Amino acid sequence: MIPLRDNVPGQNTPWVTWVLISVNLLIFGYQTTMPQQEIVAFFNQYGFIPLDLSQTVSQGFTIHLMFVIPTLLSSLFVHGSWLHVVSNMWSLWLFGDNVEDSVGHFRFLLFYLAGGVTASMAHYYFNATSILPTVGASGAIAAVMGAYLLMFPLARIRTLVPLLFIPLFFDIPALVFIGFWFITQVFSGVSSTLASYPDGGVAWWAHVGGFIFGLLIIPLIRKKRWQYRCFYENGHYHCQSDEGSNT
């Protein structure tokens, strides 16, 4: 299922969402100029490697934490492929504006970064001996999706479902779309943990951890308790806030 757009009206210009998307794309563009060997070194330097943190803590090399801890943030801006960065940035574009509306620009930035760090620590909990660099904004975006689900469960997500070569379009409630996504992440996380080689290429538990962070934190920081009423009228879905805006 490929999400295309939602029907929740934006209230303000999502400056932080735009800046985050721009920074991620610029950094990935810079990555594409590197030869393969340099890219590997780039991932090892700026990606979060769980084993580095484990060894630093277990061996008491406290001073080394100043090199490991920053990667919890830098890893959020490094991506492994065009598909990786485009899919992440599209999801941020789709869900980030409404969440930014509800908490304000600065708090949204802190929420996004804290969600990403929490997601990385959730991945670390299940993969403390992993030598693979964890990269990507997926955990932070999962936090945004968790917040979006809690605030706009009845919003409709216009979704493309390709059936062979036939494109099918459906308006799916956010509760169903995001809820199904979360269930797949939990299932994949459990499967990877139980597998013989749990050190796979996708940080499933980071997605789960980030999502739960978003669910728990957004009620504490939202500046407006918007209530959206979604309804079907004249062949279209609409959402209306208590402030009177509607699609």
C-alpha atoms as a PDB file:
ATOM      1  CA  MET A   1       0.000   0.000   0.000  1.00  0.00           C
ATOM      2  CA  ILE A   2       1.442   3.349  -1.077  1.00  0.00           C
ATOM      3  CA  PRO A   3       0.046   6.415   0.748  1.00  0.00           C
ATOM      4  CA  LEU A   4      -0.503   9.392  -1.541  1.00  0.00           C
ATOM      5  CA  ARG A   5      -2.168  12.081   0.587  1.00  0.00           C
ATOM      6  CA  ASP A   6      -4.457  12.634   3.542  1.00  0.00           C
ATOM      7  CA  ASN A   7      -7.511  14.832   3.970  1.00  0.00           C
ATOM      8  CA  VAL A   8      -6.582  16.663   7.168  1.00  0.00           C
ATOM      9  CA  PRO A   9      -6.253  20.392   6.435  1.00  0.00           C
ATOM     10  CA  GLY A  10      -3.011  22.085   7.402  1.00  0.00           C
ATOM     11  CA  GLN A  11      -3.247  25.216   9.530  1.00  0.00           C
ATOM     12  CA  ASN A  12       0.261  26.671   9.225  1.00  0.00           C
ATOM     13  CA  THR A  13       3.316  26.386   7.005  1.00  0.00           C
ATOM     14  CA  PRO A  14       5.263  23.305   8.198  1.00  0.00           C
ATOM     15  CA  TRP A  15       8.679  24.957   8.180  1.00  0.00           C
ATOM     16  CA  VAL A  16      10.409  22.325  10.292  1.00  0.00           C
ATOM     17  CA  THR A  17       9.060  19.479   8.183  1.00  0.00           C
ATOM     18  CA  TRP A  18      10.321  21.215   5.050  1.00  0.00           C
ATOM     19  CA  VAL A  19      13.758  21.842   6.578  1.00  0.00           C
ATOM     20  CA  LEU A  20      14.100  18.235   7.762  1.00  0.00           C
ATOM     21  CA  ILE A  21      13.205  16.932   4.319  1.00  0.00           C
ATOM     22  CA  SER A  22      15.626  19.347   2.649  1.00  0.00           C
ATOM     23  CA  VAL A  23      18.511  18.453   4.973  1.00  0.00           C
ATOM     24  CA  ASN A  24      17.978  14.726   4.480  1.00  0.00           C
ATOM     25  CA  LEU A  25      17.872  15.085   0.694  1.00  0.00           C
ATOM     26  CA  LEU A  26      20.957  17.329   0.634  1.00  0.00           C
ATOM     27  CA  ILE A  27      22.952  14.874   2.736  1.00  0.00           C
ATOM     28  CA  PHE A  28      21.892  11.957   0.564  1.00  0.00           C
ATOM     29  CA  GLY A  29      22.800  13.960  -2.515  1.00  0.00           C
ATOM     30  CA  TYR A  30      26.238  14.472  -1.001  1.00  0.00           C
ATOM     31  CA  GLN A  31      26.489  10.714  -0.359  1.00  0.00           C
ATOM     32  CA  THR A  32      25.894   9.991  -4.027  1.00  0.00           C
ATOM     33  CA  THR A  33      29.106  11.854  -4.887  1.00  0.00           C
ATOM     34  CA  MET A  34      31.213   9.453  -2.808  1.00  0.00           C
ATOM     35  CA  PRO A  35      32.926   6.320  -4.063  1.00  0.00           C
ATOM     36  CA  GLN A  36      31.687   3.105  -2.470  1.00  0.00           C
ATOM     37  CA  GLN A  37      34.575   2.792  -0.027  1.00  0.00           C
ATOM     38  CA  GLU A  38      33.986   6.281   1.317  1.00  0.00           C
ATOM     39  CA  ILE A  39      30.275   5.600   1.722  1.00  0.00           C
ATOM     40  CA  VAL A  40      31.042   2.602   3.953  1.00  0.00           C
ATOM     41  CA  ALA A  41      33.315   4.784   6.082  1.00  0.00           C
ATOM     42  CA  PHE A  42      30.610   7.488   6.139  1.00  0.00           C
ATOM     43  CA  PHE A  43      28.054   4.986   7.467  1.00  0.00           C
ATOM     44  CA  ASN A  44      30.472   3.737  10.113  1.00  0.00           C
ATOM     45  CA  GLN A  45      31.228   7.272  11.230  1.00  0.00           C
ATOM     46  CA  TYR A  46      27.732   8.750  11.308  1.00  0.00           C
ATOM     47  CA  GLY A  47      25.526   5.670  11.681  1.00  0.00           C
ATOM     48  CA  PHE A  48      24.644   4.315  15.125  1.00  0.00           C
ATOM     49  CA  ILE A  49      26.475   1.029  15.806  1.00  0.00           C
ATOM     50  CA  PRO A  50      24.991  -0.772  18.832  1.00  0.00           C
ATOM     51  CA  LEU A  51      28.172  -2.718  19.606  1.00  0.00           C
ATOM     52  CA  ASP A  52      30.143   0.527  19.941  1.00  0.00           C
ATOM     53  CA  LEU A  53      27.798   1.682  22.702  1.00  0.00           C
ATOM     54  CA  SER A  54      27.861  -1.731  24.410  1.00  0.00           C
ATOM     55  CA  GLN A  55      31.640  -1.876  24.450  1.00  0.00           C
ATOM     56  CA  THR A  56      31.962   1.715  25.593  1.00  0.00           C
ATOM     57  CA  VAL A  57      29.634   1.135  28.554  1.00  0.00           C
ATOM     58  CA  SER A  58      30.933  -2.311  29.529  1.00  0.00           C
ATOM     59  CA  GLN A  59      34.586  -1.266  29.416  1.00  0.00           C
ATOM     60  CA  GLY A  60      34.030   2.016  31.206  1.00  0.00           C
ATOM     61  CA  PHE A  61      35.382   4.169  28.382  1.00  0.00           C
ATOM     62  CA  THR A  62      33.214   7.098  29.389  1.00  0.00           C
ATOM     63  CA  ILE A  63      35.163   9.551  27.266  1.00  0.00           C
ATOM     64  CA  HIS A  64      34.283   7.543  24.166  1.00  0.00           C
ATOM     65  CA  LEU A  65      30.608   8.290  24.756  1.00  0.00           C
ATOM     66  CA  MET A  66      31.190  11.732  23.254  1.00  0.00           C
ATOM     67  CA  PHE A  67      31.825   9.965  19.944  1.00  0.00           C
ATOM     68  CA  VAL A  68      29.069   7.343  20.222  1.00  0.00           C
ATOM     69  CA  ILE A  69      26.147   9.383  21.593  1.00  0.00           C
ATOM     70  CA  PRO A  70      26.134  11.958  18.744  1.00  0.00           C
ATOM     71  CA  THR A  71      25.577   9.131  16.243  1.00  0.00           C
ATOM     72  CA  LEU A  72      22.118   8.636  17.766  1.00  0.00           C
ATOM     73  CA  LEU A  73      21.270  11.951  16.085  1.00  0.00           C
ATOM     74  CA  SER A  74      23.509  11.926  13.034  1.00  0.00           C
ATOM     75  CA  SER A  75      22.192   8.502  11.994  1.00  0.00           C
ATOM     76  CA  LEU A  76      18.744  10.066  11.514  1.00  0.00           C
ATOM     77  CA  PHE A  77      20.050  12.032   8.527  1.00  0.00           C
ATOM     78  CA  VAL A  78      21.894   9.255   6.710  1.00  0.00           C
ATOM     79  CA  HIS A  79      20.137   6.885   4.299  1.00  0.00           C
ATOM     80  CA  GLY A  80      21.190   3.783   2.439  1.00  0.00           C
ATOM     81  CA  SER A  81      19.483   4.236  -0.951  1.00  0.00           C
ATOM     82  CA  TRP A  82      17.208   6.447  -3.016  1.00  0.00           C
ATOM     83  CA  LEU A  83      14.236   4.240  -2.136  1.00  0.00           C
ATOM     84  CA  HIS A  84      15.128   4.513   1.542  1.00  0.00           C
ATOM     85  CA  VAL A  85      15.323   8.295   1.622  1.00  0.00           C
ATOM     86  CA  VAL A  86      12.394   8.958  -0.736  1.00  0.00           C
ATOM     87  CA  SER A  87       9.997   6.643   1.117  1.00  0.00           C
ATOM     88  CA  ASN A  88      10.995   8.171   4.460  1.00  0.00           C
ATOM     89  CA  MET A  89      10.712  11.747   3.273  1.00  0.00           C
ATOM     90  CA  TRP A  90       7.386  11.091   1.584  1.00  0.00           C
ATOM     91  CA  SER A  91       5.989   9.724   4.860  1.00  0.00           C
ATOM     92  CA  LEU A  92       7.352  12.741   6.726  1.00  0.00           C
ATOM     93  CA  TRP A  93       5.760  15.062   4.176  1.00  0.00           C
ATOM     94  CA  LEU A  94       2.436  13.245   4.461  1.00  0.00           C
ATOM     95  CA  PHE A  95       2.134  13.084   8.250  1.00  0.00           C
ATOM     96  CA  GLY A  96       4.568  15.694   9.562  1.00  0.00           C
ATOM     97  CA  ASP A  97       2.684  18.877   8.685  1.00  0.00           C
ATOM     98  CA  ASN A  98      -0.366  18.079  10.817  1.00  0.00           C
ATOM     99  CA  VAL A  99       1.707  16.969  13.785  1.00  0.00           C
ATOM    100  CA  GLU A 100       3.823  20.113  13.505  1.00  0.00           C
ATOM    101  CA  ASP A 101       0.601  22.124  13.460  1.00  0.00           C
ATOM    102  CA  SER A 102      -0.521  20.573  16.717  1.00  0.00           C
ATOM    103  CA  VAL A 103       2.658  21.105  18.743  1.00  0.00           C
ATOM    104  CA  GLY A 104       4.373  24.114  17.165  1.00  0.00           C
ATOM    105  CA  HIS A 105       7.591  24.310  15.167  1.00  0.00           C
ATOM    106  CA  PHE A 106      10.225  24.114  17.912  1.00  0.00           C
ATOM    107  CA  ARG A 107       8.482  21.424  19.929  1.00  0.00           C
ATOM    108  CA  PHE A 108       7.983  19.402  16.765  1.00  0.00           C
ATOM    109  CA  LEU A 109      11.719  19.499  16.059  1.00  0.00           C
ATOM    110  CA  LEU A 110      12.491  18.305  19.594  1.00  0.00           C
ATOM    111  CA  PHE A 111       9.772  15.659  19.350  1.00  0.00           C
ATOM    112  CA  TYR A 112      11.155  14.396  16.031  1.00  0.00           C
ATOM    113  CA  LEU A 113      14.742  14.162  17.278  1.00  0.00           C
ATOM    114  CA  ALA A 114      13.766  12.619  20.625  1.00  0.00           C
ATOM    115  CA  GLY A 115      11.588  10.099  18.794  1.00  0.00           C
ATOM    116  CA  GLY A 116      14.505   9.146  16.588  1.00  0.00           C
ATOM    117  CA  VAL A 117      16.868   8.705  19.546  1.00  0.00           C
ATOM    118  CA  THR A 118      14.278   6.633  21.416  1.00  0.00           C
ATOM    119  CA  ALA A 119      13.791   4.490  18.330  1.00  0.00           C
ATOM    120  CA  SER A 120      17.527   3.854  18.087  1.00  0.00           C
ATOM    121  CA  MET A 121      17.648   2.842  21.730  1.00  0.00           C
ATOM    122  CA  ALA A 122      14.768   0.423  21.160  1.00  0.00           C
ATOM    123  CA  HIS A 123      16.787  -1.112  18.339  1.00  0.00           C
ATOM    124  CA  TYR A 124      19.809  -1.220  20.632  1.00  0.00           C
ATOM    125  CA  TYR A 125      17.874  -3.102  23.323  1.00  0.00           C
ATOM    126  CA  PHE A 126      17.230  -5.993  20.948  1.00  0.00           C
ATOM    127  CA  ASN A 127      20.520  -5.783  19.012  1.00  0.00           C
ATOM    128  CA  ALA A 128      23.150  -4.696  21.534  1.00  0.00           C
ATOM    129  CA  THR A 129      25.909  -6.697  19.828  1.00  0.00           C
ATOM    130  CA  SER A 130      25.140  -5.633  16.269  1.00  0.00           C
ATOM    131  CA  ILE A 131      28.052  -4.343  14.216  1.00  0.00           C
ATOM    132  CA  LEU A 132      25.821  -2.927  11.479  1.00  0.00           C
ATOM    133  CA  PRO A 133      25.442   0.862  11.360  1.00  0.00           C
ATOM    134  CA  THR A 134      21.824   1.866  11.879  1.00  0.00           C
ATOM    135  CA  VAL A 135      20.882   4.699   9.519  1.00  0.00           C
ATOM    136  CA  GLY A 136      17.705   6.416   8.432  1.00  0.00           C
ATOM    137  CA  ALA A 137      14.892   8.599   9.730  1.00  0.00           C
ATOM    138  CA  SER A 138      12.385   5.746   9.944  1.00  0.00           C
ATOM    139  CA  GLY A 139      12.306   5.678  13.753  1.00  0.00           C
ATOM    140  CA  ALA A 140      11.680   9.422  14.023  1.00  0.00           C
ATOM    141  CA  ILE A 141       8.999   9.239  11.336  1.00  0.00           C
ATOM    142  CA  ALA A 142       7.403   6.304  13.179  1.00  0.00           C
ATOM    143  CA  ALA A 143       7.047   8.657  16.161  1.00  0.00           C
ATOM    144  CA  VAL A 144       5.316  11.171  13.892  1.00  0.00           C
ATOM    145  CA  MET A 145       2.990   8.442  12.629  1.00  0.00           C
ATOM    146  CA  GLY A 146       2.145   7.402  16.186  1.00  0.00           C
ATOM    147  CA  ALA A 147       1.267  10.993  17.034  1.00  0.00           C
ATOM    148  CA  TYR A 148      -0.777  11.354  13.847  1.00  0.00           C
ATOM    149  CA  LEU A 149      -2.746   8.185  14.574  1.00  0.00           C
ATOM    150  CA  LEU A 150      -3.655   9.343  18.067  1.00  0.00           C
ATOM    151  CA  MET A 151      -4.817  12.778  16.909  1.00  0.00           C
ATOM    152  CA  PHE A 152      -6.435  11.945  13.564  1.00  0.00           C
ATOM    153  CA  PRO A 153      -7.646   8.324  13.683  1.00  0.00           C
ATOM    154  CA  LEU A 154     -10.586   9.032  11.363  1.00  0.00           C
ATOM    155  CA  ALA A 155      -8.627  10.912   8.728  1.00  0.00           C
ATOM    156  CA  ARG A 156      -8.610   9.272   5.312  1.00  0.00           C
ATOM    157  CA  ILE A 157      -5.379   8.249   3.607  1.00  0.00           C
ATOM    158  CA  ARG A 158      -5.661   8.102  -0.182  1.00  0.00           C
ATOM    159  CA  THR A 159      -3.774   4.887  -0.914  1.00  0.00           C
ATOM    160  CA  LEU A 160      -2.497   3.280  -4.103  1.00  0.00           C
ATOM    161  CA  VAL A 161      -2.761  -0.508  -4.125  1.00  0.00           C
ATOM    162  CA  PRO A 162      -1.202  -1.866  -7.340  1.00  0.00           C
ATOM    163  CA  LEU A 163      -2.861  -5.095  -8.433  1.00  0.00           C
ATOM    164  CA  LEU A 164      -0.483  -6.517 -11.045  1.00  0.00           C
ATOM    165  CA  PHE A 165      -0.531  -3.666 -13.581  1.00  0.00           C
ATOM    166  CA  ILE A 166      -3.837  -2.188 -12.426  1.00  0.00           C
ATOM    167  CA  PRO A 167      -3.597   0.806 -10.048  1.00  0.00           C
ATOM    168  CA  LEU A 168      -6.366   0.769  -7.464  1.00  0.00           C
ATOM    169  CA  PHE A 169      -7.079   3.728  -5.190  1.00  0.00           C
ATOM    170  CA  PHE A 170      -8.742   3.553  -1.794  1.00  0.00           C
ATOM    171  CA  ASP A 171      -9.500   6.034   0.983  1.00  0.00           C
ATOM    172  CA  ILE A 172      -8.371   4.151   4.077  1.00  0.00           C
ATOM    173  CA  PRO A 173      -8.904   5.441   7.645  1.00  0.00           C
ATOM    174  CA  ALA A 174      -5.642   6.380   9.339  1.00  0.00           C
ATOM    175  CA  LEU A 175      -6.506   3.981  12.160  1.00  0.00           C
ATOM    176  CA  VAL A 176      -6.538   1.106   9.675  1.00  0.00           C
ATOM    177  CA  PHE A 177      -3.607   2.199   7.501  1.00  0.00           C
ATOM    178  CA  ILE A 178      -1.180   3.134  10.277  1.00  0.00           C
ATOM    179  CA  GLY A 179      -2.494   0.414  12.599  1.00  0.00           C
ATOM    180  CA  PHE A 180      -1.810  -2.242   9.970  1.00  0.00           C
ATOM    181  CA  TRP A 181       1.650  -0.785   9.381  1.00  0.00           C
ATOM    182  CA  PHE A 182       2.440  -0.970  13.101  1.00  0.00           C
ATOM    183  CA  ILE A 183       1.284  -4.583  13.362  1.00  0.00           C
ATOM    184  CA  THR A 184       3.592  -5.542  10.485  1.00  0.00           C
ATOM    185  CA  GLN A 185       6.509  -3.854  12.251  1.00  0.00           C
ATOM    186  CA  VAL A 186       5.874  -5.759  15.478  1.00  0.00           C
ATOM    187  CA  PHE A 187       5.491  -9.046  13.608  1.00  0.00           C
ATOM    188  CA  SER A 188       8.693  -8.412  11.636  1.00  0.00           C
ATOM    189  CA  GLY A 189      10.548  -7.409  14.792  1.00  0.00           C
ATOM    190  CA  VAL A 190       9.530 -10.573  16.623  1.00  0.00           C
ATOM    191  CA  SER A 191      10.415 -12.679  13.585  1.00  0.00           C
ATOM    192  CA  SER A 192      13.857 -11.092  13.254  1.00  0.00           C
ATOM    193  CA  THR A 193      14.549 -11.570  16.967  1.00  0.00           C
ATOM    194  CA  LEU A 194      13.600 -15.247  16.828  1.00  0.00           C
ATOM    195  CA  ALA A 195      15.515 -15.865  13.599  1.00  0.00           C
ATOM    196  CA  SER A 196      18.940 -17.445  13.495  1.00  0.00           C
ATOM    197  CA  TYR A 197      20.366 -14.194  12.125  1.00  0.00           C
ATOM    198  CA  PRO A 198      18.495 -11.393  13.936  1.00  0.00           C
ATOM    199  CA  ASP A 199      21.037  -8.829  12.724  1.00  0.00           C
ATOM    200  CA  GLY A 200      19.039  -8.135   9.578  1.00  0.00           C
ATOM    201  CA  GLY A 201      18.970  -5.100   7.342  1.00  0.00           C
ATOM    202  CA  VAL A 202      15.864  -3.406   8.770  1.00  0.00           C
ATOM    203  CA  ALA A 203      15.657  -1.963  12.296  1.00  0.00           C
ATOM    204  CA  TRP A 204      12.115  -3.165  12.975  1.00  0.00           C
ATOM    205  CA  TRP A 205      12.263  -2.469  16.710  1.00  0.00           C
ATOM    206  CA  ALA A 206      13.322   1.099  16.008  1.00  0.00           C
ATOM    207  CA  HIS A 207      10.044   1.565  14.163  1.00  0.00           C
ATOM    208  CA  VAL A 208       8.106   0.019  17.041  1.00  0.00           C
ATOM    209  CA  GLY A 209       9.935   2.065  19.666  1.00  0.00           C
ATOM    210  CA  GLY A 210       9.520   5.318  17.773  1.00  0.00           C
ATOM    211  CA  PHE A 211       5.819   4.687  17.212  1.00  0.00           C
ATOM    212  CA  ILE A 212       5.137   3.984  20.890  1.00  0.00           C
ATOM    213  CA  PHE A 213       7.117   7.110  21.809  1.00  0.00           C
ATOM    214  CA  GLY A 214       4.848   9.157  19.552  1.00  0.00           C
ATOM    215  CA  LEU A 215       1.692   7.703  21.090  1.00  0.00           C
ATOM    216  CA  LEU A 216       2.857   8.385  24.640  1.00  0.00           C
ATOM    217  CA  ILE A 217       4.441  11.805  24.246  1.00  0.00           C
ATOM    218  CA  ILE A 218       2.121  13.666  21.889  1.00  0.00           C
ATOM    219  CA  PRO A 219      -0.698  14.095  24.468  1.00  0.00           C
ATOM    220  CA  LEU A 220       1.809  15.850  26.744  1.00  0.00           C
ATOM    221  CA  ILE A 221       3.128  18.401  24.263  1.00  0.00           C
ATOM    222  CA  ARG A 222       0.336  19.237  21.833  1.00  0.00           C
ATOM    223  CA  LYS A 223      -0.525  22.911  22.102  1.00  0.00           C
ATOM    224  CA  LYS A 224      -4.085  22.544  20.826  1.00  0.00           C
ATOM    225  CA  ARG A 225      -6.489  19.759  21.580  1.00  0.00           C
ATOM    226  CA  TRP A 226      -7.919  19.676  18.090  1.00  0.00           C
ATOM    227  CA  GLN A 227     -10.794  17.324  17.516  1.00  0.00           C
ATOM    228  CA  TYR A 228     -11.378  16.365  13.895  1.00  0.00           C
ATOM    229  CA  ARG A 229     -14.713  15.137  12.640  1.00  0.00           C
ATOM    230  CA  CYS A 230     -14.376  13.242   9.376  1.00  0.00           C
ATOM    231  CA  PHE A 231     -17.395  12.686   7.160  1.00  0.00           C
ATOM    232  CA  TYR A 232     -18.377  11.686   3.626  1.00  0.00           C
ATOM    233  CA  GLU A 233     -20.241  14.220   1.519  1.00  0.00           C
ATOM    234  CA  ASN A 234     -20.872  14.621  -2.197  1.00  0.00           C
ATOM    235  CA  GLY A 235     -18.491  11.852  -3.099  1.00  0.00           C
ATOM    236  CA  HIS A 236     -15.585  13.190  -1.009  1.00  0.00           C
ATOM    237  CA  TYR A 237     -14.217  12.730   2.458  1.00  0.00           C
ATOM    238  CA  HIS A 238     -13.813  15.831   4.604  1.00  0.00           C
ATOM    239  CA  CYS A 239     -12.248  16.538   7.984  1.00  0.00           C
ATOM    240  CA  GLN A 240     -13.246  19.535  10.074  1.00  0.00           C
ATOM    241  CA  SER A 241     -11.513  20.845  13.177  1.00  0.00           C
ATOM    242  CA  ASP A 242     -13.095  22.633  16.093  1.00  0.00           C
ATOM    243  CA  GLU A 243     -11.465  25.782  14.675  1.00  0.00           C
ATOM    244  CA  GLY A 244     -13.673  25.512  11.602  1.00  0.00           C
ATOM    245  CA  SER A 245     -11.135  24.531   8.924  1.00  0.00           C
ATOM    246  CA  ASN A 246     -12.088  21.794   6.559  1.00  0.00           C
ATOM    247  CA  THR A 247     -10.995  20.252   3.270  1.00  0.00           C
END
